[in-house]
PDB file of N, CA and C in Angstrom:
ATOM      1  N   MET A   1      13.404 174.246 143.103  1.00  0.00           N
ATOM      2  CA  MET A   1      12.026 174.644 143.257  1.00  0.00           C
ATOM      3  C   MET A   1      11.386 173.795 144.339  1.00  0.00           C
ATOM      4  N   GLY A   2      10.376 174.295 144.956  1.00  0.00           N
ATOM      5  CA  GLY A   2       9.684 173.577 146.006  1.00  0.00           C
ATOM      6  C   GLY A   2       8.201 173.884 145.957  1.00  0.00           C
ATOM      7  N   SER A   3       7.490 173.443 146.980  1.00  0.00           N
ATOM      8  CA  SER A   3       6.051 173.642 147.030  1.00  0.00           C
ATOM      9  C   SER A   3       5.608 173.884 148.459  1.00  0.00           C
ATOM     10  N   ALA A   4       4.680 174.810 148.609  1.00  0.00           N
ATOM     11  CA  ALA A   4       4.047 175.012 149.907  1.00  0.00           C
ATOM     12  C   ALA A   4       3.161 173.810 150.189  1.00  0.00           C
ATOM     13  N   ILE A   5       3.139 173.376 151.436  1.00  0.00           N
ATOM     14  CA  ILE A   5       2.327 172.236 151.840  1.00  0.00           C
ATOM     15  C   ILE A   5       1.653 172.550 153.173  1.00  0.00           C
ATOM     16  N   ILE A   6       0.740 171.696 153.558  1.00  0.00           N
ATOM     17  CA  ILE A   6       0.118 171.769 154.874  1.00  0.00           C
ATOM     18  C   ILE A   6       0.753 170.667 155.713  1.00  0.00           C
ATOM     19  N   THR A   7       1.243 171.006 156.893  1.00  0.00           N
ATOM     20  CA  THR A   7       1.863 170.009 157.759  1.00  0.00           C
ATOM     21  C   THR A   7       0.804 169.144 158.428  1.00  0.00           C
ATOM     22  N   GLU A   8       1.249 168.064 159.079  1.00  0.00           N
ATOM     23  CA  GLU A   8       0.307 167.150 159.733  1.00  0.00           C
ATOM     24  C   GLU A   8      -0.551 167.845 160.784  1.00  0.00           C
ATOM     25  N   ASP A   9      -0.004 168.903 161.403  1.00  0.00           N
ATOM     26  CA  ASP A   9      -0.763 169.614 162.425  1.00  0.00           C
ATOM     27  C   ASP A   9      -1.548 170.802 161.868  1.00  0.00           C
ATOM     28  N   GLY A  10      -1.615 170.902 160.532  1.00  0.00           N
ATOM     29  CA  GLY A  10      -2.396 171.952 159.891  1.00  0.00           C
ATOM     30  C   GLY A  10      -1.657 173.255 159.675  1.00  0.00           C
ATOM     31  N   GLY A  11      -0.369 173.282 159.984  1.00  0.00           N
ATOM     32  CA  GLY A  11       0.419 174.494 159.817  1.00  0.00           C
ATOM     33  C   GLY A  11       0.991 174.616 158.409  1.00  0.00           C
ATOM     34  N   LEU A  12       1.716 175.707 158.200  1.00  0.00           N
ATOM     35  CA  LEU A  12       2.352 175.969 156.924  1.00  0.00           C
ATOM     36  C   LEU A  12       3.649 175.187 156.822  1.00  0.00           C
ATOM     37  N   GLY A  13       3.845 174.546 155.686  1.00  0.00           N
ATOM     38  CA  GLY A  13       5.072 173.799 155.460  1.00  0.00           C
ATOM     39  C   GLY A  13       5.613 174.055 154.070  1.00  0.00           C
ATOM     40  N   PHE A  14       6.782 173.504 153.817  1.00  0.00           N
ATOM     41  CA  PHE A  14       7.430 173.652 152.526  1.00  0.00           C
ATOM     42  C   PHE A  14       8.180 172.361 152.224  1.00  0.00           C
ATOM     43  N   ALA A  15       8.128 171.933 150.963  1.00  0.00           N
ATOM     44  CA  ALA A  15       8.838 170.725 150.538  1.00  0.00           C
ATOM     45  C   ALA A  15       9.772 171.084 149.396  1.00  0.00           C
ATOM     46  N   THR A  16      10.995 170.594 149.474  1.00  0.00           N
ATOM     47  CA  THR A  16      11.967 170.832 148.422  1.00  0.00           C
ATOM     48  C   THR A  16      12.910 169.633 148.329  1.00  0.00           C
ATOM     49  N   ILE A  17      13.574 169.512 147.201  1.00  0.00           N
ATOM     50  CA  ILE A  17      14.503 168.399 146.998  1.00  0.00           C
ATOM     51  C   ILE A  17      15.917 168.937 146.933  1.00  0.00           C
ATOM     52  N   LYS A  18      16.787 168.289 147.681  1.00  0.00           N
ATOM     53  CA  LYS A  18      18.228 168.541 147.617  1.00  0.00           C
ATOM     54  C   LYS A  18      18.893 167.191 147.393  1.00  0.00           C
ATOM     55  N   GLY A  19      19.595 167.069 146.287  1.00  0.00           N
ATOM     56  CA  GLY A  19      20.218 165.784 145.970  1.00  0.00           C
ATOM     57  C   GLY A  19      19.153 164.736 145.738  1.00  0.00           C
ATOM     58  N   ASN A  20      19.233 163.628 146.466  1.00  0.00           N
ATOM     59  CA  ASN A  20      18.241 162.552 146.369  1.00  0.00           C
ATOM     60  C   ASN A  20      17.299 162.533 147.568  1.00  0.00           C
ATOM     61  N   ASN A  21      17.188 163.659 148.260  1.00  0.00           N
ATOM     62  CA  ASN A  21      16.375 163.718 149.467  1.00  0.00           C
ATOM     63  C   ASN A  21      15.282 164.775 149.357  1.00  0.00           C
ATOM     64  N   LEU A  22      14.105 164.414 149.848  1.00  0.00           N
ATOM     65  CA  LEU A  22      12.994 165.348 149.967  1.00  0.00           C
ATOM     66  C   LEU A  22      13.057 165.947 151.363  1.00  0.00           C
ATOM     67  N   HIS A  23      13.178 167.260 151.445  1.00  0.00           N
ATOM     68  CA  HIS A  23      13.254 167.956 152.729  1.00  0.00           C
ATOM     69  C   HIS A  23      11.916 168.619 153.010  1.00  0.00           C
ATOM     70  N   LEU A  24      11.367 168.341 154.184  1.00  0.00           N
ATOM     71  CA  LEU A  24      10.103 168.933 154.624  1.00  0.00           C
ATOM     72  C   LEU A  24      10.403 169.915 155.754  1.00  0.00           C
ATOM     73  N   TRP A  25       9.838 171.115 155.634  1.00  0.00           N
ATOM     74  CA  TRP A  25      10.075 172.182 156.597  1.00  0.00           C
ATOM     75  C   TRP A  25       8.745 172.655 157.184  1.00  0.00           C
ATOM     76  N   SER A  26       8.780 173.178 158.397  1.00  0.00           N
ATOM     77  CA  SER A  26       7.605 173.766 159.047  1.00  0.00           C
ATOM     78  C   SER A  26       7.897 175.208 159.408  1.00  0.00           C
ATOM     79  N   TRP A  27       6.873 176.059 159.275  1.00  0.00           N
ATOM     80  CA  TRP A  27       6.995 177.446 159.691  1.00  0.00           C
ATOM     81  C   TRP A  27       6.599 177.521 161.159  1.00  0.00           C
ATOM     82  N   LEU A  28       7.533 177.952 161.983  1.00  0.00           N
ATOM     83  CA  LEU A  28       7.274 178.032 163.413  1.00  0.00           C
ATOM     84  C   LEU A  28       7.467 179.461 163.881  1.00  0.00           C
ATOM     85  N   THR A  29       6.588 179.875 164.776  1.00  0.00           N
ATOM     86  CA  THR A  29       6.741 181.181 165.399  1.00  0.00           C
ATOM     87  C   THR A  29       7.205 180.956 166.823  1.00  0.00           C
ATOM     88  N   GLY A  30       8.089 181.813 167.270  1.00  0.00           N
ATOM     89  CA  GLY A  30       8.661 181.683 168.611  1.00  0.00           C
ATOM     90  C   GLY A  30       7.864 182.454 169.635  1.00  0.00           C
ATOM     91  N   ASP A  31       8.550 183.277 170.369  1.00  0.00           N
ATOM     92  CA  ASP A  31       7.945 184.029 171.464  1.00  0.00           C
ATOM     93  C   ASP A  31       7.278 185.327 171.012  1.00  0.00           C
ATOM     94  N   GLY A  32       6.976 185.431 169.728  1.00  0.00           N
ATOM     95  CA  GLY A  32       6.358 186.644 169.206  1.00  0.00           C
ATOM     96  C   GLY A  32       7.355 187.537 168.497  1.00  0.00           C
ATOM     97  N   ASN A  33       8.626 187.366 168.809  1.00  0.00           N
ATOM     98  CA  ASN A  33       9.671 188.181 168.182  1.00  0.00           C
ATOM     99  C   ASN A  33      10.444 187.418 167.108  1.00  0.00           C
ATOM    100  N   SER A  34      10.244 186.108 167.054  1.00  0.00           N
ATOM    101  CA  SER A  34      11.007 185.322 166.088  1.00  0.00           C
ATOM    102  C   SER A  34      10.101 184.325 165.380  1.00  0.00           C
ATOM    103  N   ALA A  35      10.446 184.052 164.151  1.00  0.00           N
ATOM    104  CA  ALA A  35       9.731 183.057 163.361  1.00  0.00           C
ATOM    105  C   ALA A  35      10.700 182.565 162.300  1.00  0.00           C
ATOM    106  N   GLY A  36      10.455 181.375 161.792  1.00  0.00           N
ATOM    107  CA  GLY A  36      11.340 180.885 160.746  1.00  0.00           C
ATOM    108  C   GLY A  36      11.024 179.455 160.359  1.00  0.00           C
ATOM    109  N   TRP A  37      11.718 179.005 159.327  1.00  0.00           N
ATOM    110  CA  TRP A  37      11.559 177.647 158.829  1.00  0.00           C
ATOM    111  C   TRP A  37      12.409 176.699 159.662  1.00  0.00           C
ATOM    112  N   THR A  38      11.801 175.603 160.083  1.00  0.00           N
ATOM    113  CA  THR A  38      12.487 174.587 160.873  1.00  0.00           C
ATOM    114  C   THR A  38      12.417 173.261 160.136  1.00  0.00           C
ATOM    115  N   PRO A  39      13.562 172.575 159.983  1.00  0.00           N
ATOM    116  CA  PRO A  39      13.529 171.266 159.326  1.00  0.00           C
ATOM    117  C   PRO A  39      12.636 170.304 160.105  1.00  0.00           C
ATOM    118  N   ARG A  40      11.790 169.567 159.385  1.00  0.00           N
ATOM    119  CA  ARG A  40      10.870 168.640 160.027  1.00  0.00           C
ATOM    120  C   ARG A  40      11.221 167.196 159.735  1.00  0.00           C
ATOM    121  N   ARG A  41      11.543 166.910 158.459  1.00  0.00           N
ATOM    122  CA  ARG A  41      11.770 165.517 158.087  1.00  0.00           C
ATOM    123  C   ARG A  41      12.536 165.465 156.771  1.00  0.00           C
ATOM    124  N   VAL A  42      13.334 164.418 156.598  1.00  0.00           N
ATOM    125  CA  VAL A  42      14.039 164.177 155.348  1.00  0.00           C
ATOM    126  C   VAL A  42      13.667 162.769 154.885  1.00  0.00           C
ATOM    127  N   ILE A  43      13.223 162.677 153.620  1.00  0.00           N
ATOM    128  CA  ILE A  43      12.845 161.382 153.040  1.00  0.00           C
ATOM    129  C   ILE A  43      13.819 161.077 151.912  1.00  0.00           C
ATOM    130  N   GLN A  44      14.489 159.936 151.997  1.00  0.00           N
ATOM    131  CA  GLN A  44      15.419 159.531 150.952  1.00  0.00           C
ATOM    132  C   GLN A  44      14.626 158.995 149.763  1.00  0.00           C
ATOM    133  N   LEU A  45      14.784 159.622 148.612  1.00  0.00           N
ATOM    134  CA  LEU A  45      14.028 159.260 147.413  1.00  0.00           C
ATOM    135  C   LEU A  45      14.702 158.167 146.590  1.00  0.00           C
ATOM    136  N   GLN A  46      15.956 157.904 146.870  1.00  0.00           N
ATOM    137  CA  GLN A  46      16.748 156.977 146.075  1.00  0.00           C
ATOM    138  C   GLN A  46      16.077 155.611 145.937  1.00  0.00           C
ATOM    139  N   SER A  47      15.509 155.097 147.006  1.00  0.00           N
ATOM    140  CA  SER A  47      14.879 153.774 146.952  1.00  0.00           C
ATOM    141  C   SER A  47      13.392 153.832 146.604  1.00  0.00           C
ATOM    142  N   LEU A  48      12.810 155.044 146.540  1.00  0.00           N
ATOM    143  CA  LEU A  48      11.379 155.181 146.294  1.00  0.00           C
ATOM    144  C   LEU A  48      11.027 155.468 144.840  1.00  0.00           C
ATOM    145  N   LEU A  49      11.919 156.151 144.116  1.00  0.00           N
ATOM    146  CA  LEU A  49      11.630 156.571 142.751  1.00  0.00           C
ATOM    147  C   LEU A  49      12.642 155.986 141.773  1.00  0.00           C
ATOM    148  N   PRO A  50      12.179 155.559 140.591  1.00  0.00           N
ATOM    149  CA  PRO A  50      13.126 155.072 139.586  1.00  0.00           C
ATOM    150  C   PRO A  50      13.922 156.222 138.986  1.00  0.00           C
ATOM    151  N   VAL A  51      15.204 156.008 138.814  1.00  0.00           N
ATOM    152  CA  VAL A  51      16.081 157.033 138.253  1.00  0.00           C
ATOM    153  C   VAL A  51      16.988 156.382 137.229  1.00  0.00           C
ATOM    154  N   CYS A  52      17.031 156.953 136.043  1.00  0.00           N
ATOM    155  CA  CYS A  52      17.951 156.469 135.009  1.00  0.00           C
ATOM    156  C   CYS A  52      19.261 157.235 135.048  1.00  0.00           C
ATOM    157  N   ASN A  53      19.178 158.532 135.230  1.00  0.00           N
ATOM    158  CA  ASN A  53      20.356 159.388 135.225  1.00  0.00           C
ATOM    159  C   ASN A  53      20.349 160.230 136.497  1.00  0.00           C
ATOM    160  N   PRO A  54      21.182 159.879 137.491  1.00  0.00           N
ATOM    161  CA  PRO A  54      21.165 160.603 138.766  1.00  0.00           C
ATOM    162  C   PRO A  54      21.558 162.069 138.664  1.00  0.00           C
ATOM    163  N   SER A  55      22.148 162.489 137.549  1.00  0.00           N
ATOM    164  CA  SER A  55      22.532 163.894 137.417  1.00  0.00           C
ATOM    165  C   SER A  55      21.349 164.790 137.047  1.00  0.00           C
ATOM    166  N   ILE A  56      20.204 164.185 136.675  1.00  0.00           N
ATOM    167  CA  ILE A  56      18.982 164.955 136.386  1.00  0.00           C
ATOM    168  C   ILE A  56      18.136 164.971 137.660  1.00  0.00           C
ATOM    169  N   PRO A  57      17.993 166.135 138.291  1.00  0.00           N
ATOM    170  CA  PRO A  57      17.297 166.186 139.583  1.00  0.00           C
ATOM    171  C   PRO A  57      15.778 166.040 139.450  1.00  0.00           C
ATOM    172  N   SER A  58      15.192 165.461 140.485  1.00  0.00           N
ATOM    173  CA  SER A  58      13.733 165.428 140.598  1.00  0.00           C
ATOM    174  C   SER A  58      13.275 166.779 141.116  1.00  0.00           C
ATOM    175  N   GLU A  59      11.987 167.097 140.900  1.00  0.00           N
ATOM    176  CA  GLU A  59      11.450 168.365 141.370  1.00  0.00           C
ATOM    177  C   GLU A  59      10.102 168.151 142.044  1.00  0.00           C
ATOM    178  N   VAL A  60       9.843 168.927 143.084  1.00  0.00           N
ATOM    179  CA  VAL A  60       8.522 168.965 143.712  1.00  0.00           C
ATOM    180  C   VAL A  60       7.664 169.880 142.849  1.00  0.00           C
ATOM    181  N   ILE A  61       6.522 169.357 142.363  1.00  0.00           N
ATOM    182  CA  ILE A  61       5.675 170.176 141.491  1.00  0.00           C
ATOM    183  C   ILE A  61       4.262 170.360 142.016  1.00  0.00           C
ATOM    184  N   GLY A  62       3.964 169.802 143.194  1.00  0.00           N
ATOM    185  CA  GLY A  62       2.628 170.019 143.737  1.00  0.00           C
ATOM    186  C   GLY A  62       2.379 169.269 145.022  1.00  0.00           C
ATOM    187  N   PHE A  63       1.218 169.553 145.618  1.00  0.00           N
ATOM    188  CA  PHE A  63       0.819 168.959 146.886  1.00  0.00           C
ATOM    189  C   PHE A  63      -0.698 168.853 146.917  1.00  0.00           C
ATOM    190  N   ALA A  64      -1.208 167.703 147.345  1.00  0.00           N
ATOM    191  CA  ALA A  64      -2.656 167.517 147.481  1.00  0.00           C
ATOM    192  C   ALA A  64      -3.037 167.671 148.946  1.00  0.00           C
ATOM    193  N   GLU A  65      -3.660 168.781 149.256  1.00  0.00           N
ATOM    194  CA  GLU A  65      -4.046 169.077 150.629  1.00  0.00           C
ATOM    195  C   GLU A  65      -5.018 168.030 151.156  1.00  0.00           C
ATOM    196  N   GLY A  66      -4.840 167.656 152.420  1.00  0.00           N
ATOM    197  CA  GLY A  66      -5.723 166.690 153.060  1.00  0.00           C
ATOM    198  C   GLY A  66      -5.332 165.246 152.822  1.00  0.00           C
ATOM    199  N   THR A  67      -4.395 165.007 151.939  1.00  0.00           N
ATOM    200  CA  THR A  67      -3.976 163.630 151.649  1.00  0.00           C
ATOM    201  C   THR A  67      -2.504 163.403 151.969  1.00  0.00           C
ATOM    202  N   ASP A  68      -1.775 164.458 152.332  1.00  0.00           N
ATOM    203  CA  ASP A  68      -0.332 164.380 152.568  1.00  0.00           C
ATOM    204  C   ASP A  68       0.387 163.730 151.399  1.00  0.00           C
ATOM    205  N   THR A  69      -0.004 164.131 150.190  1.00  0.00           N
ATOM    206  CA  THR A  69       0.584 163.592 148.968  1.00  0.00           C
ATOM    207  C   THR A  69       1.320 164.694 148.227  1.00  0.00           C
ATOM    208  N   ILE A  70       2.558 164.406 147.863  1.00  0.00           N
ATOM    209  CA  ILE A  70       3.396 165.342 147.114  1.00  0.00           C
ATOM    210  C   ILE A  70       3.560 164.804 145.704  1.00  0.00           C
ATOM    211  N   PHE A  71       3.529 165.702 144.714  1.00  0.00           N
ATOM    212  CA  PHE A  71       3.766 165.341 143.315  1.00  0.00           C
ATOM    213  C   PHE A  71       5.220 165.663 142.973  1.00  0.00           C
ATOM    214  N   LEU A  72       5.895 164.681 142.384  1.00  0.00           N
ATOM    215  CA  LEU A  72       7.298 164.826 142.026  1.00  0.00           C
ATOM    216  C   LEU A  72       7.471 164.525 140.547  1.00  0.00           C
ATOM    217  N   GLU A  73       8.258 165.355 139.862  1.00  0.00           N
ATOM    218  CA  GLU A  73       8.588 165.052 138.478  1.00  0.00           C
ATOM    219  C   GLU A  73      10.024 164.553 138.433  1.00  0.00           C
ATOM    220  N   THR A  74      10.202 163.415 137.773  1.00  0.00           N
ATOM    221  CA  THR A  74      11.528 162.857 137.562  1.00  0.00           C
ATOM    222  C   THR A  74      11.748 162.727 136.064  1.00  0.00           C
ATOM    223  N   GLU A  75      12.906 162.292 135.671  1.00  0.00           N
ATOM    224  CA  GLU A  75      13.176 162.065 134.258  1.00  0.00           C
ATOM    225  C   GLU A  75      12.350 160.903 133.708  1.00  0.00           C
ATOM    226  N   VAL A  76      11.794 160.078 134.584  1.00  0.00           N
ATOM    227  CA  VAL A  76      11.016 158.906 134.192  1.00  0.00           C
ATOM    228  C   VAL A  76       9.523 159.222 134.087  1.00  0.00           C
ATOM    229  N   GLY A  77       9.053 160.222 134.823  1.00  0.00           N
ATOM    230  CA  GLY A  77       7.643 160.582 134.806  1.00  0.00           C
ATOM    231  C   GLY A  77       7.254 161.375 136.034  1.00  0.00           C
ATOM    232  N   VAL A  78       5.945 161.551 136.209  1.00  0.00           N
ATOM    233  CA  VAL A  78       5.398 162.252 137.367  1.00  0.00           C
ATOM    234  C   VAL A  78       4.895 161.199 138.349  1.00  0.00           C
ATOM    235  N   PHE A  79       5.262 161.367 139.608  1.00  0.00           N
ATOM    236  CA  PHE A  79       4.915 160.409 140.655  1.00  0.00           C
ATOM    237  C   PHE A  79       4.243 161.124 141.814  1.00  0.00           C
ATOM    238  N   THR A  80       3.400 160.373 142.527  1.00  0.00           N
ATOM    239  CA  THR A  80       2.890 160.856 143.805  1.00  0.00           C
ATOM    240  C   THR A  80       3.679 160.145 144.895  1.00  0.00           C
ATOM    241  N   LEU A  81       3.890 160.848 145.979  1.00  0.00           N
ATOM    242  CA  LEU A  81       4.538 160.280 147.158  1.00  0.00           C
ATOM    243  C   LEU A  81       3.664 160.582 148.350  1.00  0.00           C
ATOM    244  N   GLU A  82       3.148 159.535 148.993  1.00  0.00           N
ATOM    245  CA  GLU A  82       2.395 159.708 150.225  1.00  0.00           C
ATOM    246  C   GLU A  82       3.410 159.874 151.347  1.00  0.00           C
ATOM    247  N   ILE A  83       3.415 161.035 151.965  1.00  0.00           N
ATOM    248  CA  ILE A  83       4.447 161.373 152.943  1.00  0.00           C
ATOM    249  C   ILE A  83       4.469 160.396 154.114  1.00  0.00           C
ATOM    250  N   ILE A  84       3.328 160.053 154.635  1.00  0.00           N
ATOM    251  CA  ILE A  84       3.282 159.213 155.839  1.00  0.00           C
ATOM    252  C   ILE A  84       3.666 157.767 155.540  1.00  0.00           C
ATOM    253  N   SER A  85       3.095 157.183 154.488  1.00  0.00           N
ATOM    254  CA  SER A  85       3.357 155.771 154.195  1.00  0.00           C
ATOM    255  C   SER A  85       4.615 155.549 153.362  1.00  0.00           C
ATOM    256  N   GLY A  86       5.037 156.563 152.603  1.00  0.00           N
ATOM    257  CA  GLY A  86       6.186 156.404 151.718  1.00  0.00           C
ATOM    258  C   GLY A  86       5.850 155.715 150.406  1.00  0.00           C
ATOM    259  N   LYS A  87       4.565 155.484 150.147  1.00  0.00           N
ATOM    260  CA  LYS A  87       4.159 154.832 148.899  1.00  0.00           C
ATOM    261  C   LYS A  87       4.265 155.805 147.733  1.00  0.00           C
ATOM    262  N   THR A  88       4.738 155.291 146.593  1.00  0.00           N
ATOM    263  CA  THR A  88       4.827 156.100 145.385  1.00  0.00           C
ATOM    264  C   THR A  88       4.009 155.445 144.289  1.00  0.00           C
ATOM    265  N   ARG A  89       3.573 156.278 143.333  1.00  0.00           N
ATOM    266  CA  ARG A  89       2.804 155.770 142.201  1.00  0.00           C
ATOM    267  C   ARG A  89       3.025 156.697 141.013  1.00  0.00           C
ATOM    268  N   LYS A  90       3.271 156.104 139.859  1.00  0.00           N
ATOM    269  CA  LYS A  90       3.434 156.900 138.651  1.00  0.00           C
ATOM    270  C   LYS A  90       2.056 157.342 138.178  1.00  0.00           C
ATOM    271  N   VAL A  91       1.903 158.672 137.944  1.00  0.00           N
ATOM    272  CA  VAL A  91       0.610 159.216 137.547  1.00  0.00           C
ATOM    273  C   VAL A  91       0.663 159.978 136.230  1.00  0.00           C
ATOM    274  N   GLY A  92       1.850 160.090 135.632  1.00  0.00           N
ATOM    275  CA  GLY A  92       1.944 160.813 134.370  1.00  0.00           C
ATOM    276  C   GLY A  92       3.326 160.683 133.757  1.00  0.00           C
ATOM    277  N   GLU A  93       3.404 161.161 132.540  1.00  0.00           N
ATOM    278  CA  GLU A  93       4.674 161.136 131.812  1.00  0.00           C
ATOM    279  C   GLU A  93       5.424 162.443 132.035  1.00  0.00           C
ATOM    280  N   THR A  94       6.719 162.421 131.820  1.00  0.00           N
ATOM    281  CA  THR A  94       7.532 163.622 131.917  1.00  0.00           C
ATOM    282  C   THR A  94       7.091 164.599 130.841  1.00  0.00           C
ATOM    283  N   GLY A  95       6.980 165.859 131.206  1.00  0.00           N
ATOM    284  CA  GLY A  95       6.507 166.814 130.214  1.00  0.00           C
ATOM    285  C   GLY A  95       6.842 168.251 130.529  1.00  0.00           C
ATOM    286  N   GLY A  96       7.823 168.496 131.379  1.00  0.00           N
ATOM    287  CA  GLY A  96       8.191 169.870 131.685  1.00  0.00           C
ATOM    288  C   GLY A  96       7.150 170.599 132.514  1.00  0.00           C
ATOM    289  N   TYR A  97       6.600 169.955 133.514  1.00  0.00           N
ATOM    290  CA  TYR A  97       5.590 170.568 134.375  1.00  0.00           C
ATOM    291  C   TYR A  97       6.225 171.633 135.251  1.00  0.00           C
ATOM    292  N   TYR A  98       5.497 172.707 135.458  1.00  0.00           N
ATOM    293  CA  TYR A  98       5.945 173.744 136.382  1.00  0.00           C
ATOM    294  C   TYR A  98       5.270 173.544 137.744  1.00  0.00           C
ATOM    295  N   ALA A  99       3.985 173.266 137.713  1.00  0.00           N
ATOM    296  CA  ALA A  99       3.230 173.044 138.943  1.00  0.00           C
ATOM    297  C   ALA A  99       1.994 172.209 138.640  1.00  0.00           C
ATOM    298  N   ILE A 100       1.581 171.444 139.630  1.00  0.00           N
ATOM    299  CA  ILE A 100       0.344 170.671 139.541  1.00  0.00           C
ATOM    300  C   ILE A 100      -0.561 171.142 140.673  1.00  0.00           C
ATOM    301  N   LEU A 101      -1.803 171.450 140.329  1.00  0.00           N
ATOM    302  CA  LEU A 101      -2.811 171.820 141.313  1.00  0.00           C
ATOM    303  C   LEU A 101      -3.907 170.767 141.247  1.00  0.00           C
ATOM    304  N   PRO A 102      -3.829 169.759 142.111  1.00  0.00           N
ATOM    305  CA  PRO A 102      -4.803 168.669 142.015  1.00  0.00           C
ATOM    306  C   PRO A 102      -6.220 169.130 142.318  1.00  0.00           C
ATOM    307  N   TYR A 103      -7.153 168.635 141.536  1.00  0.00           N
ATOM    308  CA  TYR A 103      -8.562 168.938 141.693  1.00  0.00           C
ATOM    309  C   TYR A 103      -9.171 167.792 142.480  1.00  0.00           C
ATOM    310  N   MET A 104      -9.546 168.034 143.713  1.00  0.00           N
ATOM    311  CA  MET A 104      -9.966 166.965 144.612  1.00  0.00           C
ATOM    312  C   MET A 104     -11.432 166.565 144.453  1.00  0.00           C
ATOM    313  N   SER A 105     -12.325 167.520 144.389  1.00  0.00           N
ATOM    314  CA  SER A 105     -13.744 167.199 144.280  1.00  0.00           C
ATOM    315  C   SER A 105     -14.508 168.461 143.900  1.00  0.00           C
ATOM    316  N   PHE A 106     -15.764 168.273 143.619  1.00  0.00           N
ATOM    317  CA  PHE A 106     -16.581 169.429 143.319  1.00  0.00           C
ATOM    318  C   PHE A 106     -18.009 169.147 143.777  1.00  0.00           C
ATOM    319  N   CYS A 107     -18.788 170.201 143.852  1.00  0.00           N
ATOM    320  CA  CYS A 107     -20.185 170.078 144.241  1.00  0.00           C
ATOM    321  C   CYS A 107     -21.008 170.785 143.175  1.00  0.00           C
ATOM    322  N   ALA A 108     -21.817 170.026 142.480  1.00  0.00           N
ATOM    323  CA  ALA A 108     -22.706 170.598 141.476  1.00  0.00           C
ATOM    324  C   ALA A 108     -24.080 170.775 142.099  1.00  0.00           C
ATOM    325  N   PRO A 109     -24.545 172.011 142.174  1.00  0.00           N
ATOM    326  CA  PRO A 109     -25.853 172.238 142.799  1.00  0.00           C
ATOM    327  C   PRO A 109     -26.947 171.564 141.969  1.00  0.00           C
ATOM    328  N   GLY A 110     -27.879 171.001 142.672  1.00  0.00           N
ATOM    329  CA  GLY A 110     -29.006 170.362 141.998  1.00  0.00           C
ATOM    330  C   GLY A 110     -30.072 171.369 141.632  1.00  0.00           C
ATOM    331  N   THR A 111     -31.084 170.871 140.973  1.00  0.00           N
ATOM    332  CA  THR A 111     -32.220 171.709 140.621  1.00  0.00           C
ATOM    333  C   THR A 111     -33.083 171.917 141.861  1.00  0.00           C
ATOM    334  N   PRO A 112     -33.404 173.181 142.173  1.00  0.00           N
ATOM    335  CA  PRO A 112     -34.216 173.420 143.363  1.00  0.00           C
ATOM    336  C   PRO A 112     -35.623 172.826 143.190  1.00  0.00           C
ATOM    337  N   VAL A 113     -36.097 172.309 144.268  1.00  0.00           N
ATOM    338  CA  VAL A 113     -37.436 171.720 144.266  1.00  0.00           C
ATOM    339  C   VAL A 113     -38.422 172.815 144.643  1.00  0.00           C
ATOM    340  N   VAL A 114     -39.394 173.038 143.771  1.00  0.00           N
ATOM    341  CA  VAL A 114     -40.419 174.048 144.038  1.00  0.00           C
ATOM    342  C   VAL A 114     -41.688 173.316 144.437  1.00  0.00           C
ATOM    343  N   GLN A 115     -42.182 173.649 145.607  1.00  0.00           N
ATOM    344  CA  GLN A 115     -43.423 173.015 146.061  1.00  0.00           C
ATOM    345  C   GLN A 115     -44.579 173.975 145.830  1.00  0.00           C
ATOM    346  N   ALA A 116     -45.673 173.417 145.321  1.00  0.00           N
ATOM    347  CA  ALA A 116     -46.841 174.249 145.023  1.00  0.00           C
ATOM    348  C   ALA A 116     -47.802 174.256 146.180  1.00  0.00           C
TER     349      ALA A 116
END
């Protein structure tokens, strides 16, 4: 399983895990007649995430737009991975997540001011 992401240049991307590596892809269009997924970057997860049993694969379960942060579920828990810095942080327990849709912010309208 993987997740759609926004690339650094604002384009469409995709993140997926193969083995112990996070693969990042970009959607590129050619001369108008061709388009396709192009490999962009591979991040080795082995040194970034704790693993007890290497035969249980990690999964990409979400992406926080505007922060270049990917959510990964491992057998140990749910982690965030900042793509640019490589920093990881545990943010939840393992629980069979299918997808995470991070809620970034909200705007609550105030009471309108009525002038007499």
